Amino acid sequence: NLKGIASATQIAEDIRARIRAETQLTAS
């Protein structure tokens, strides 16, 4: 990945947090 993050779980958490912050919507 472009961030060099080893944990896919961490990436998923980061993406979910950004979606919430930038769109005010939730994702699973």
mmCIF file of all heavy atoms, coordinates in Angstrom:
data_MODEL
# 
_entry.id   MODEL 
# 
loop_
_atom_site.group_PDB 
_atom_site.id 
_atom_site.type_symbol 
_atom_site.label_atom_id 
_atom_site.label_alt_id 
_atom_site.label_comp_id 
_atom_site.label_asym_id 
_atom_site.label_entity_id 
_atom_site.label_seq_id 
_atom_site.pdbx_PDB_ins_code 
_atom_site.Cartn_x 
_atom_site.Cartn_y 
_atom_site.Cartn_z 
_atom_site.occupancy 
_atom_site.B_iso_or_equiv 
_atom_site.pdbx_formal_charge 
_atom_site.auth_seq_id 
_atom_site.auth_comp_id 
_atom_site.auth_asym_id 
_atom_site.auth_atom_id 
_atom_site.pdbx_PDB_model_num 
ATOM 1   N N   . ASN A 1 1  ? 0.816   -1.213 0.000  1.00 0.00 ? 1  ASN A N   1 
ATOM 2   C CA  . ASN A 1 1  ? 0.000   0.000  0.000  1.00 0.00 ? 1  ASN A CA  1 
ATOM 3   C C   . ASN A 1 1  ? 0.850   1.265  0.000  1.00 0.00 ? 1  ASN A C   1 
ATOM 4   O O   . ASN A 1 1  ? 2.037   1.237  0.328  1.00 0.00 ? 1  ASN A O   1 
ATOM 5   C CB  . ASN A 1 1  ? -0.959  -0.013 1.184  1.00 0.00 ? 1  ASN A CB  1 
ATOM 6   C CG  . ASN A 1 1  ? -0.253  -0.066 2.516  1.00 0.00 ? 1  ASN A CG  1 
ATOM 7   O OD1 . ASN A 1 1  ? 0.169   0.962  3.056  1.00 0.00 ? 1  ASN A OD1 1 
ATOM 8   N ND2 . ASN A 1 1  ? -0.074  -1.268 3.065  1.00 0.00 ? 1  ASN A ND2 1 
ATOM 9   N N   . LEU A 1 2  ? 0.234   2.356  -0.375 1.00 0.00 ? 2  LEU A N   1 
ATOM 10  C CA  . LEU A 1 2  ? 0.952   3.614  -0.555 1.00 0.00 ? 2  LEU A CA  1 
ATOM 11  C C   . LEU A 1 2  ? 1.423   4.232  0.757  1.00 0.00 ? 2  LEU A C   1 
ATOM 12  O O   . LEU A 1 2  ? 2.313   5.088  0.756  1.00 0.00 ? 2  LEU A O   1 
ATOM 13  C CB  . LEU A 1 2  ? 0.055   4.610  -1.299 1.00 0.00 ? 2  LEU A CB  1 
ATOM 14  C CG  . LEU A 1 2  ? -0.394  4.170  -2.696 1.00 0.00 ? 2  LEU A CG  1 
ATOM 15  C CD1 . LEU A 1 2  ? -1.361  5.195  -3.280 1.00 0.00 ? 2  LEU A CD1 1 
ATOM 16  C CD2 . LEU A 1 2  ? 0.795   3.974  -3.611 1.00 0.00 ? 2  LEU A CD2 1 
ATOM 17  N N   . LYS A 1 3  ? 0.841   3.817  1.866  1.00 0.00 ? 3  LYS A N   1 
ATOM 18  C CA  . LYS A 1 3  ? 1.211   4.376  3.169  1.00 0.00 ? 3  LYS A CA  1 
ATOM 19  C C   . LYS A 1 3  ? 2.301   3.550  3.862  1.00 0.00 ? 3  LYS A C   1 
ATOM 20  O O   . LYS A 1 3  ? 2.819   3.963  4.907  1.00 0.00 ? 3  LYS A O   1 
ATOM 21  C CB  . LYS A 1 3  ? -0.017  4.435  4.086  1.00 0.00 ? 3  LYS A CB  1 
ATOM 22  C CG  . LYS A 1 3  ? -1.158  5.292  3.573  1.00 0.00 ? 3  LYS A CG  1 
ATOM 23  C CD  . LYS A 1 3  ? -0.884  6.765  3.759  1.00 0.00 ? 3  LYS A CD  1 
ATOM 24  C CE  . LYS A 1 3  ? -2.127  7.592  3.466  1.00 0.00 ? 3  LYS A CE  1 
ATOM 25  N NZ  . LYS A 1 3  ? -1.905  9.028  3.646  1.00 0.00 ? 3  LYS A NZ  1 
ATOM 26  N N   . GLY A 1 4  ? 2.587   2.384  3.313  1.00 0.00 ? 4  GLY A N   1 
ATOM 27  C CA  . GLY A 1 4  ? 3.568   1.516  3.951  1.00 0.00 ? 4  GLY A CA  1 
ATOM 28  C C   . GLY A 1 4  ? 3.110   0.962  5.280  1.00 0.00 ? 4  GLY A C   1 
ATOM 29  O O   . GLY A 1 4  ? 3.931   0.660  6.158  1.00 0.00 ? 4  GLY A O   1 
ATOM 30  N N   . ILE A 1 5  ? 1.808   0.820  5.473  1.00 0.00 ? 5  ILE A N   1 
ATOM 31  C CA  . ILE A 1 5  ? 1.242   0.298  6.720  1.00 0.00 ? 5  ILE A CA  1 
ATOM 32  C C   . ILE A 1 5  ? 1.168   -1.226 6.635  1.00 0.00 ? 5  ILE A C   1 
ATOM 33  O O   . ILE A 1 5  ? 0.577   -1.777 5.707  1.00 0.00 ? 5  ILE A O   1 
ATOM 34  C CB  . ILE A 1 5  ? -0.157  0.883  6.982  1.00 0.00 ? 5  ILE A CB  1 
ATOM 35  C CG1 . ILE A 1 5  ? -0.076  2.415  7.080  1.00 0.00 ? 5  ILE A CG1 1 
ATOM 36  C CG2 . ILE A 1 5  ? -0.765  0.298  8.247  1.00 0.00 ? 5  ILE A CG2 1 
ATOM 37  C CD1 . ILE A 1 5  ? -1.431  3.087  7.173  1.00 0.00 ? 5  ILE A CD1 1 
ATOM 38  N N   . ALA A 1 6  ? 1.748   -1.909 7.588  1.00 0.00 ? 6  ALA A N   1 
ATOM 39  C CA  . ALA A 1 6  ? 1.822   -3.368 7.534  1.00 0.00 ? 6  ALA A CA  1 
ATOM 40  C C   . ALA A 1 6  ? 0.471   -4.021 7.819  1.00 0.00 ? 6  ALA A C   1 
ATOM 41  O O   . ALA A 1 6  ? 0.177   -5.109 7.311  1.00 0.00 ? 6  ALA A O   1 
ATOM 42  C CB  . ALA A 1 6  ? 2.873   -3.872 8.524  1.00 0.00 ? 6  ALA A CB  1 
ATOM 43  N N   . SER A 1 7  ? -0.346  -3.391 8.635  1.00 0.00 ? 7  SER A N   1 
ATOM 44  C CA  . SER A 1 7  ? -1.603  -3.993 9.075  1.00 0.00 ? 7  SER A CA  1 
ATOM 45  C C   . SER A 1 7  ? -2.777  -3.557 8.197  1.00 0.00 ? 7  SER A C   1 
ATOM 46  O O   . SER A 1 7  ? -3.126  -2.373 8.149  1.00 0.00 ? 7  SER A O   1 
ATOM 47  C CB  . SER A 1 7  ? -1.885  -3.602 10.531 1.00 0.00 ? 7  SER A CB  1 
ATOM 48  O OG  . SER A 1 7  ? -3.206  -3.948 10.886 1.00 0.00 ? 7  SER A OG  1 
ATOM 49  N N   . ALA A 1 8  ? -3.413  -4.533 7.521  1.00 0.00 ? 8  ALA A N   1 
ATOM 50  C CA  . ALA A 1 8  ? -4.607  -4.231 6.734  1.00 0.00 ? 8  ALA A CA  1 
ATOM 51  C C   . ALA A 1 8  ? -5.751  -3.779 7.644  1.00 0.00 ? 8  ALA A C   1 
ATOM 52  O O   . ALA A 1 8  ? -6.575  -2.944 7.252  1.00 0.00 ? 8  ALA A O   1 
ATOM 53  C CB  . ALA A 1 8  ? -5.026  -5.460 5.928  1.00 0.00 ? 8  ALA A CB  1 
ATOM 54  N N   . THR A 1 9  ? -5.792  -4.310 8.843  1.00 0.00 ? 9  THR A N   1 
ATOM 55  C CA  . THR A 1 9  ? -6.824  -3.912 9.799  1.00 0.00 ? 9  THR A CA  1 
ATOM 56  C C   . THR A 1 9  ? -6.685  -2.440 10.157 1.00 0.00 ? 9  THR A C   1 
ATOM 57  O O   . THR A 1 9  ? -7.685  -1.707 10.232 1.00 0.00 ? 9  THR A O   1 
ATOM 58  C CB  . THR A 1 9  ? -6.747  -4.771 11.066 1.00 0.00 ? 9  THR A CB  1 
ATOM 59  O OG1 . THR A 1 9  ? -6.840  -6.148 10.703 1.00 0.00 ? 9  THR A OG1 1 
ATOM 60  C CG2 . THR A 1 9  ? -7.856  -4.424 12.042 1.00 0.00 ? 9  THR A CG2 1 
ATOM 61  N N   . GLN A 1 10 ? -5.452  -1.990 10.342 1.00 0.00 ? 10 GLN A N   1 
ATOM 62  C CA  . GLN A 1 10 ? -5.215  -0.579 10.648 1.00 0.00 ? 10 GLN A CA  1 
ATOM 63  C C   . GLN A 1 10 ? -5.642  0.308  9.477  1.00 0.00 ? 10 GLN A C   1 
ATOM 64  O O   . GLN A 1 10 ? -6.240  1.367  9.667  1.00 0.00 ? 10 GLN A O   1 
ATOM 65  C CB  . GLN A 1 10 ? -3.744  -0.342 10.963 1.00 0.00 ? 10 GLN A CB  1 
ATOM 66  C CG  . GLN A 1 10 ? -3.421  1.099  11.365 1.00 0.00 ? 10 GLN A CG  1 
ATOM 67  C CD  . GLN A 1 10 ? -4.198  1.536  12.597 1.00 0.00 ? 10 GLN A CD  1 
ATOM 68  O OE1 . GLN A 1 10 ? -4.131  0.886  13.632 1.00 0.00 ? 10 GLN A OE1 1 
ATOM 69  N NE2 . GLN A 1 10 ? -4.949  2.635  12.479 1.00 0.00 ? 10 GLN A NE2 1 
ATOM 70  N N   . ILE A 1 11 ? -5.360  -0.141 8.259  1.00 0.00 ? 11 ILE A N   1 
ATOM 71  C CA  . ILE A 1 11 ? -5.773  0.634  7.086  1.00 0.00 ? 11 ILE A CA  1 
ATOM 72  C C   . ILE A 1 11 ? -7.294  0.737  7.029  1.00 0.00 ? 11 ILE A C   1 
ATOM 73  O O   . ILE A 1 11 ? -7.850  1.808  6.775  1.00 0.00 ? 11 ILE A O   1 
ATOM 74  C CB  . ILE A 1 11 ? -5.223  -0.014 5.802  1.00 0.00 ? 11 ILE A CB  1 
ATOM 75  C CG1 . ILE A 1 11 ? -3.697  0.092  5.764  1.00 0.00 ? 11 ILE A CG1 1 
ATOM 76  C CG2 . ILE A 1 11 ? -5.834  0.650  4.561  1.00 0.00 ? 11 ILE A CG2 1 
ATOM 77  C CD1 . ILE A 1 11 ? -3.052  -0.635 4.603  1.00 0.00 ? 11 ILE A CD1 1 
ATOM 78  N N   . ALA A 1 12 ? -7.972  -0.374 7.290  1.00 0.00 ? 12 ALA A N   1 
ATOM 79  C CA  . ALA A 1 12 ? -9.432  -0.373 7.276  1.00 0.00 ? 12 ALA A CA  1 
ATOM 80  C C   . ALA A 1 12 ? -9.987  0.585  8.324  1.00 0.00 ? 12 ALA A C   1 
ATOM 81  O O   . ALA A 1 12 ? -10.944 1.329  8.067  1.00 0.00 ? 12 ALA A O   1 
ATOM 82  C CB  . ALA A 1 12 ? -9.967  -1.780 7.510  1.00 0.00 ? 12 ALA A CB  1 
ATOM 83  N N   . GLU A 1 13 ? -9.389  0.590  9.498  1.00 0.00 ? 13 GLU A N   1 
ATOM 84  C CA  . GLU A 1 13 ? -9.820  1.511  10.547 1.00 0.00 ? 13 GLU A CA  1 
ATOM 85  C C   . GLU A 1 13 ? -9.592  2.961  10.128 1.00 0.00 ? 13 GLU A C   1 
ATOM 86  O O   . GLU A 1 13 ? -10.445 3.832  10.353 1.00 0.00 ? 13 GLU A O   1 
ATOM 87  C CB  . GLU A 1 13 ? -9.069  1.217  11.847 1.00 0.00 ? 13 GLU A CB  1 
ATOM 88  C CG  . GLU A 1 13 ? -9.485  -0.072 12.541 1.00 0.00 ? 13 GLU A CG  1 
ATOM 89  C CD  . GLU A 1 13 ? -10.816 0.087  13.291 1.00 0.00 ? 13 GLU A CD  1 
ATOM 90  O OE1 . GLU A 1 13 ? -11.634 0.966  12.930 1.00 0.00 ? 13 GLU A OE1 1 
ATOM 91  O OE2 . GLU A 1 13 ? -11.034 -0.690 14.232 1.00 0.00 ? 13 GLU A OE2 1 
ATOM 92  N N   . ASP A 1 14 ? -8.423  3.228  9.535  1.00 0.00 ? 14 ASP A N   1 
ATOM 93  C CA  . ASP A 1 14 ? -8.122  4.588  9.087  1.00 0.00 ? 14 ASP A CA  1 
ATOM 94  C C   . ASP A 1 14 ? -9.129  5.049  8.036  1.00 0.00 ? 14 ASP A C   1 
ATOM 95  O O   . ASP A 1 14 ? -9.616  6.190  8.078  1.00 0.00 ? 14 ASP A O   1 
ATOM 96  C CB  . ASP A 1 14 ? -6.703  4.649  8.502  1.00 0.00 ? 14 ASP A CB  1 
ATOM 97  C CG  . ASP A 1 14 ? -5.621  4.521  9.572  1.00 0.00 ? 14 ASP A CG  1 
ATOM 98  O OD1 . ASP A 1 14 ? -5.956  4.492  10.768 1.00 0.00 ? 14 ASP A OD1 1 
ATOM 99  O OD2 . ASP A 1 14 ? -4.437  4.439  9.185  1.00 0.00 ? 14 ASP A OD2 1 
ATOM 100 N N   . ILE A 1 15 ? -9.437  4.171  7.087  1.00 0.00 ? 15 ILE A N   1 
ATOM 101 C CA  . ILE A 1 15 ? -10.374 4.531  6.023  1.00 0.00 ? 15 ILE A CA  1 
ATOM 102 C C   . ILE A 1 15 ? -11.765 4.796  6.592  1.00 0.00 ? 15 ILE A C   1 
ATOM 103 O O   . ILE A 1 15 ? -12.424 5.785  6.234  1.00 0.00 ? 15 ILE A O   1 
ATOM 104 C CB  . ILE A 1 15 ? -10.419 3.416  4.959  1.00 0.00 ? 15 ILE A CB  1 
ATOM 105 C CG1 . ILE A 1 15 ? -9.121  3.412  4.150  1.00 0.00 ? 15 ILE A CG1 1 
ATOM 106 C CG2 . ILE A 1 15 ? -11.629 3.591  4.034  1.00 0.00 ? 15 ILE A CG2 1 
ATOM 107 C CD1 . ILE A 1 15 ? -8.991  2.252  3.188  1.00 0.00 ? 15 ILE A CD1 1 
ATOM 108 N N   . ARG A 1 16 ? -12.219 3.959  7.505  1.00 0.00 ? 16 ARG A N   1 
ATOM 109 C CA  . ARG A 1 16 ? -13.532 4.152  8.115  1.00 0.00 ? 16 ARG A CA  1 
ATOM 110 C C   . ARG A 1 16 ? -13.593 5.480  8.880  1.00 0.00 ? 16 ARG A C   1 
ATOM 111 O O   . ARG A 1 16 ? -14.594 6.201  8.821  1.00 0.00 ? 16 ARG A O   1 
ATOM 112 C CB  . ARG A 1 16 ? -13.872 2.991  9.048  1.00 0.00 ? 16 ARG A CB  1 
ATOM 113 C CG  . ARG A 1 16 ? -14.119 1.679  8.328  1.00 0.00 ? 16 ARG A CG  1 
ATOM 114 C CD  . ARG A 1 16 ? -14.419 0.545  9.290  1.00 0.00 ? 16 ARG A CD  1 
ATOM 115 N NE  . ARG A 1 16 ? -15.636 0.801  10.018 1.00 0.00 ? 16 ARG A NE  1 
ATOM 116 C CZ  . ARG A 1 16 ? -15.713 0.965  11.345 1.00 0.00 ? 16 ARG A CZ  1 
ATOM 117 N NH1 . ARG A 1 16 ? -14.618 0.917  12.088 1.00 0.00 ? 16 ARG A NH1 1 
ATOM 118 N NH2 . ARG A 1 16 ? -16.860 1.176  11.922 1.00 0.00 ? 16 ARG A NH2 1 
ATOM 119 N N   . ALA A 1 17 ? -12.500 5.804  9.572  1.00 0.00 ? 17 ALA A N   1 
ATOM 120 C CA  . ALA A 1 17 ? -12.459 7.058  10.329 1.00 0.00 ? 17 ALA A CA  1 
ATOM 121 C C   . ALA A 1 17 ? -12.490 8.267  9.387  1.00 0.00 ? 17 ALA A C   1 
ATOM 122 O O   . ALA A 1 17 ? -13.173 9.267  9.664  1.00 0.00 ? 17 ALA A O   1 
ATOM 123 C CB  . ALA A 1 17 ? -11.208 7.096  11.201 1.00 0.00 ? 17 ALA A CB  1 
ATOM 124 N N   . ARG A 1 18 ? -11.778 8.170  8.282  1.00 0.00 ? 18 ARG A N   1 
ATOM 125 C CA  . ARG A 1 18 ? -11.762 9.278  7.336  1.00 0.00 ? 18 ARG A CA  1 
ATOM 126 C C   . ARG A 1 18 ? -13.120 9.444  6.650  1.00 0.00 ? 18 ARG A C   1 
ATOM 127 O O   . ARG A 1 18 ? -13.570 10.568 6.414  1.00 0.00 ? 18 ARG A O   1 
ATOM 128 C CB  . ARG A 1 18 ? -10.660 9.065  6.305  1.00 0.00 ? 18 ARG A CB  1 
ATOM 129 C CG  . ARG A 1 18 ? -9.254  9.328  6.847  1.00 0.00 ? 18 ARG A CG  1 
ATOM 130 C CD  . ARG A 1 18 ? -8.233  9.351  5.738  1.00 0.00 ? 18 ARG A CD  1 
ATOM 131 N NE  . ARG A 1 18 ? -8.553  10.342 4.704  1.00 0.00 ? 18 ARG A NE  1 
ATOM 132 C CZ  . ARG A 1 18 ? -7.864  10.476 3.571  1.00 0.00 ? 18 ARG A CZ  1 
ATOM 133 N NH1 . ARG A 1 18 ? -6.825  9.667  3.340  1.00 0.00 ? 18 ARG A NH1 1 
ATOM 134 N NH2 . ARG A 1 18 ? -8.201  11.383 2.687  1.00 0.00 ? 18 ARG A NH2 1 
ATOM 135 N N   . ILE A 1 19 ? -13.751 8.337  6.319  1.00 0.00 ? 19 ILE A N   1 
ATOM 136 C CA  . ILE A 1 19 ? -15.082 8.422  5.704  1.00 0.00 ? 19 ILE A CA  1 
ATOM 137 C C   . ILE A 1 19 ? -16.046 9.127  6.651  1.00 0.00 ? 19 ILE A C   1 
ATOM 138 O O   . ILE A 1 19 ? -16.812 10.003 6.249  1.00 0.00 ? 19 ILE A O   1 
ATOM 139 C CB  . ILE A 1 19 ? -15.605 7.018  5.335  1.00 0.00 ? 19 ILE A CB  1 
ATOM 140 C CG1 . ILE A 1 19 ? -14.819 6.457  4.143  1.00 0.00 ? 19 ILE A CG1 1 
ATOM 141 C CG2 . ILE A 1 19 ? -17.097 7.051  5.031  1.00 0.00 ? 19 ILE A CG2 1 
ATOM 142 C CD1 . ILE A 1 19 ? -15.146 5.019  3.805  1.00 0.00 ? 19 ILE A CD1 1 
ATOM 143 N N   . ARG A 1 20 ? -15.986 8.768  7.926  1.00 0.00 ? 20 ARG A N   1 
ATOM 144 C CA  . ARG A 1 20 ? -16.858 9.400  8.909  1.00 0.00 ? 20 ARG A CA  1 
ATOM 145 C C   . ARG A 1 20 ? -16.562 10.904 9.028  1.00 0.00 ? 20 ARG A C   1 
ATOM 146 O O   . ARG A 1 20 ? -17.479 11.732 9.051  1.00 0.00 ? 20 ARG A O   1 
ATOM 147 C CB  . ARG A 1 20 ? -16.700 8.739  10.272 1.00 0.00 ? 20 ARG A CB  1 
ATOM 148 C CG  . ARG A 1 20 ? -17.612 9.322  11.343 1.00 0.00 ? 20 ARG A CG  1 
ATOM 149 C CD  . ARG A 1 20 ? -17.262 8.775  12.719 1.00 0.00 ? 20 ARG A CD  1 
ATOM 150 N NE  . ARG A 1 20 ? -17.617 7.378  12.855 1.00 0.00 ? 20 ARG A NE  1 
ATOM 151 C CZ  . ARG A 1 20 ? -18.816 6.926  13.215 1.00 0.00 ? 20 ARG A CZ  1 
ATOM 152 N NH1 . ARG A 1 20 ? -19.784 7.778  13.455 1.00 0.00 ? 20 ARG A NH1 1 
ATOM 153 N NH2 . ARG A 1 20 ? -19.036 5.644  13.334 1.00 0.00 ? 20 ARG A NH2 1 
ATOM 154 N N   . ALA A 1 21 ? -15.290 11.247 9.073  1.00 0.00 ? 21 ALA A N   1 
ATOM 155 C CA  . ALA A 1 21 ? -14.909 12.646 9.259  1.00 0.00 ? 21 ALA A CA  1 
ATOM 156 C C   . ALA A 1 21 ? -15.221 13.496 8.026  1.00 0.00 ? 21 ALA A C   1 
ATOM 157 O O   . ALA A 1 21 ? -15.648 14.648 8.148  1.00 0.00 ? 21 ALA A O   1 
ATOM 158 C CB  . ALA A 1 21 ? -13.423 12.735 9.587  1.00 0.00 ? 21 ALA A CB  1 
ATOM 159 N N   . GLU A 1 22 ? -15.014 12.926 6.828  1.00 0.00 ? 22 GLU A N   1 
ATOM 160 C CA  . GLU A 1 22 ? -15.124 13.721 5.607  1.00 0.00 ? 22 GLU A CA  1 
ATOM 161 C C   . GLU A 1 22 ? -16.508 13.692 4.965  1.00 0.00 ? 22 GLU A C   1 
ATOM 162 O O   . GLU A 1 22 ? -16.847 14.589 4.184  1.00 0.00 ? 22 GLU A O   1 
ATOM 163 C CB  . GLU A 1 22 ? -14.065 13.257 4.601  1.00 0.00 ? 22 GLU A CB  1 
ATOM 164 C CG  . GLU A 1 22 ? -12.641 13.499 5.092  1.00 0.00 ? 22 GLU A CG  1 
ATOM 165 C CD  . GLU A 1 22 ? -11.575 12.983 4.145  1.00 0.00 ? 22 GLU A CD  1 
ATOM 166 O OE1 . GLU A 1 22 ? -11.835 12.949 2.918  1.00 0.00 ? 22 GLU A OE1 1 
ATOM 167 O OE2 . GLU A 1 22 ? -10.482 12.610 4.619  1.00 0.00 ? 22 GLU A OE2 1 
ATOM 168 N N   . THR A 1 23 ? -17.305 12.679 5.290  1.00 0.00 ? 23 THR A N   1 
ATOM 169 C CA  . THR A 1 23 ? -18.635 12.593 4.678  1.00 0.00 ? 23 THR A CA  1 
ATOM 170 C C   . THR A 1 23 ? -19.765 12.545 5.696  1.00 0.00 ? 23 THR A C   1 
ATOM 171 O O   . THR A 1 23 ? -20.936 12.612 5.316  1.00 0.00 ? 23 THR A O   1 
ATOM 172 C CB  . THR A 1 23 ? -18.752 11.345 3.780  1.00 0.00 ? 23 THR A CB  1 
ATOM 173 O OG1 . THR A 1 23 ? -18.817 10.169 4.595  1.00 0.00 ? 23 THR A OG1 1 
ATOM 174 C CG2 . THR A 1 23 ? -17.600 11.247 2.803  1.00 0.00 ? 23 THR A CG2 1 
ATOM 175 N N   . GLN A 1 24 ? -19.433 12.402 6.988  1.00 0.00 ? 24 GLN A N   1 
ATOM 176 C CA  . GLN A 1 24 ? -20.433 12.243 8.050  1.00 0.00 ? 24 GLN A CA  1 
ATOM 177 C C   . GLN A 1 24 ? -21.294 10.994 7.839  1.00 0.00 ? 24 GLN A C   1 
ATOM 178 O O   . GLN A 1 24 ? -22.442 10.933 8.263  1.00 0.00 ? 24 GLN A O   1 
ATOM 179 C CB  . GLN A 1 24 ? -21.324 13.482 8.181  1.00 0.00 ? 24 GLN A CB  1 
ATOM 180 C CG  . GLN A 1 24 ? -20.606 14.726 8.682  1.00 0.00 ? 24 GLN A CG  1 
ATOM 181 C CD  . GLN A 1 24 ? -19.772 15.357 7.591  1.00 0.00 ? 24 GLN A CD  1 
ATOM 182 O OE1 . GLN A 1 24 ? -20.271 15.693 6.517  1.00 0.00 ? 24 GLN A OE1 1 
ATOM 183 N NE2 . GLN A 1 24 ? -18.485 15.526 7.853  1.00 0.00 ? 24 GLN A NE2 1 
ATOM 184 N N   . LEU A 1 25 ? -20.729 9.978  7.199  1.00 0.00 ? 25 LEU A N   1 
ATOM 185 C CA  . LEU A 1 25 ? -21.402 8.704  6.970  1.00 0.00 ? 25 LEU A CA  1 
ATOM 186 C C   . LEU A 1 25 ? -20.567 7.585  7.560  1.00 0.00 ? 25 LEU A C   1 
ATOM 187 O O   . LEU A 1 25 ? -19.373 7.755  7.832  1.00 0.00 ? 25 LEU A O   1 
ATOM 188 C CB  . LEU A 1 25 ? -21.595 8.461  5.467  1.00 0.00 ? 25 LEU A CB  1 
ATOM 189 C CG  . LEU A 1 25 ? -22.425 9.501  4.710  1.00 0.00 ? 25 LEU A CG  1 
ATOM 190 C CD1 . LEU A 1 25 ? -22.341 9.247  3.210  1.00 0.00 ? 25 LEU A CD1 1 
ATOM 191 C CD2 . LEU A 1 25 ? -23.882 9.471  5.167  1.00 0.00 ? 25 LEU A CD2 1 
ATOM 192 N N   . THR A 1 26 ? -21.187 6.430  7.768  1.00 0.00 ? 26 THR A N   1 
ATOM 193 C CA  . THR A 1 26 ? -20.454 5.288  8.326  1.00 0.00 ? 26 THR A CA  1 
ATOM 194 C C   . THR A 1 26 ? -20.291 4.194  7.290  1.00 0.00 ? 26 THR A C   1 
ATOM 195 O O   . THR A 1 26 ? -21.110 4.035  6.380  1.00 0.00 ? 26 THR A O   1 
ATOM 196 C CB  . THR A 1 26 ? -21.163 4.708  9.561  1.00 0.00 ? 26 THR A CB  1 
ATOM 197 O OG1 . THR A 1 26 ? -22.435 4.165  9.176  1.00 0.00 ? 26 THR A OG1 1 
ATOM 198 C CG2 . THR A 1 26 ? -21.362 5.773  10.618 1.00 0.00 ? 26 THR A CG2 1 
ATOM 199 N N   . ALA A 1 27 ? -19.217 3.441  7.461  1.00 0.00 ? 27 ALA A N   1 
ATOM 200 C CA  . ALA A 1 27 ? -18.921 2.319  6.569  1.00 0.00 ? 27 ALA A CA  1 
ATOM 201 C C   . ALA A 1 27 ? -18.542 1.111  7.408  1.00 0.00 ? 27 ALA A C   1 
ATOM 202 O O   . ALA A 1 27 ? -17.967 1.237  8.491  1.00 0.00 ? 27 ALA A O   1 
ATOM 203 C CB  . ALA A 1 27 ? -17.768 2.670  5.629  1.00 0.00 ? 27 ALA A CB  1 
ATOM 204 N N   . SER A 1 28 ? -18.875 -0.054 6.909  1.00 0.00 ? 28 SER A N   1 
ATOM 205 C CA  . SER A 1 28 ? -18.427 -1.301 7.516  1.00 0.00 ? 28 SER A CA  1 
ATOM 206 C C   . SER A 1 28 ? -17.315 -1.878 6.660  1.00 0.00 ? 28 SER A C   1 
ATOM 207 O O   . SER A 1 28 ? -17.277 -1.666 5.440  1.00 0.00 ? 28 SER A O   1 
ATOM 208 C CB  . SER A 1 28 ? -19.582 -2.299 7.628  1.00 0.00 ? 28 SER A CB  1 
ATOM 209 O OG  . SER A 1 28 ? -20.561 -1.828 8.520  1.00 0.00 ? 28 SER A OG  1 
# 
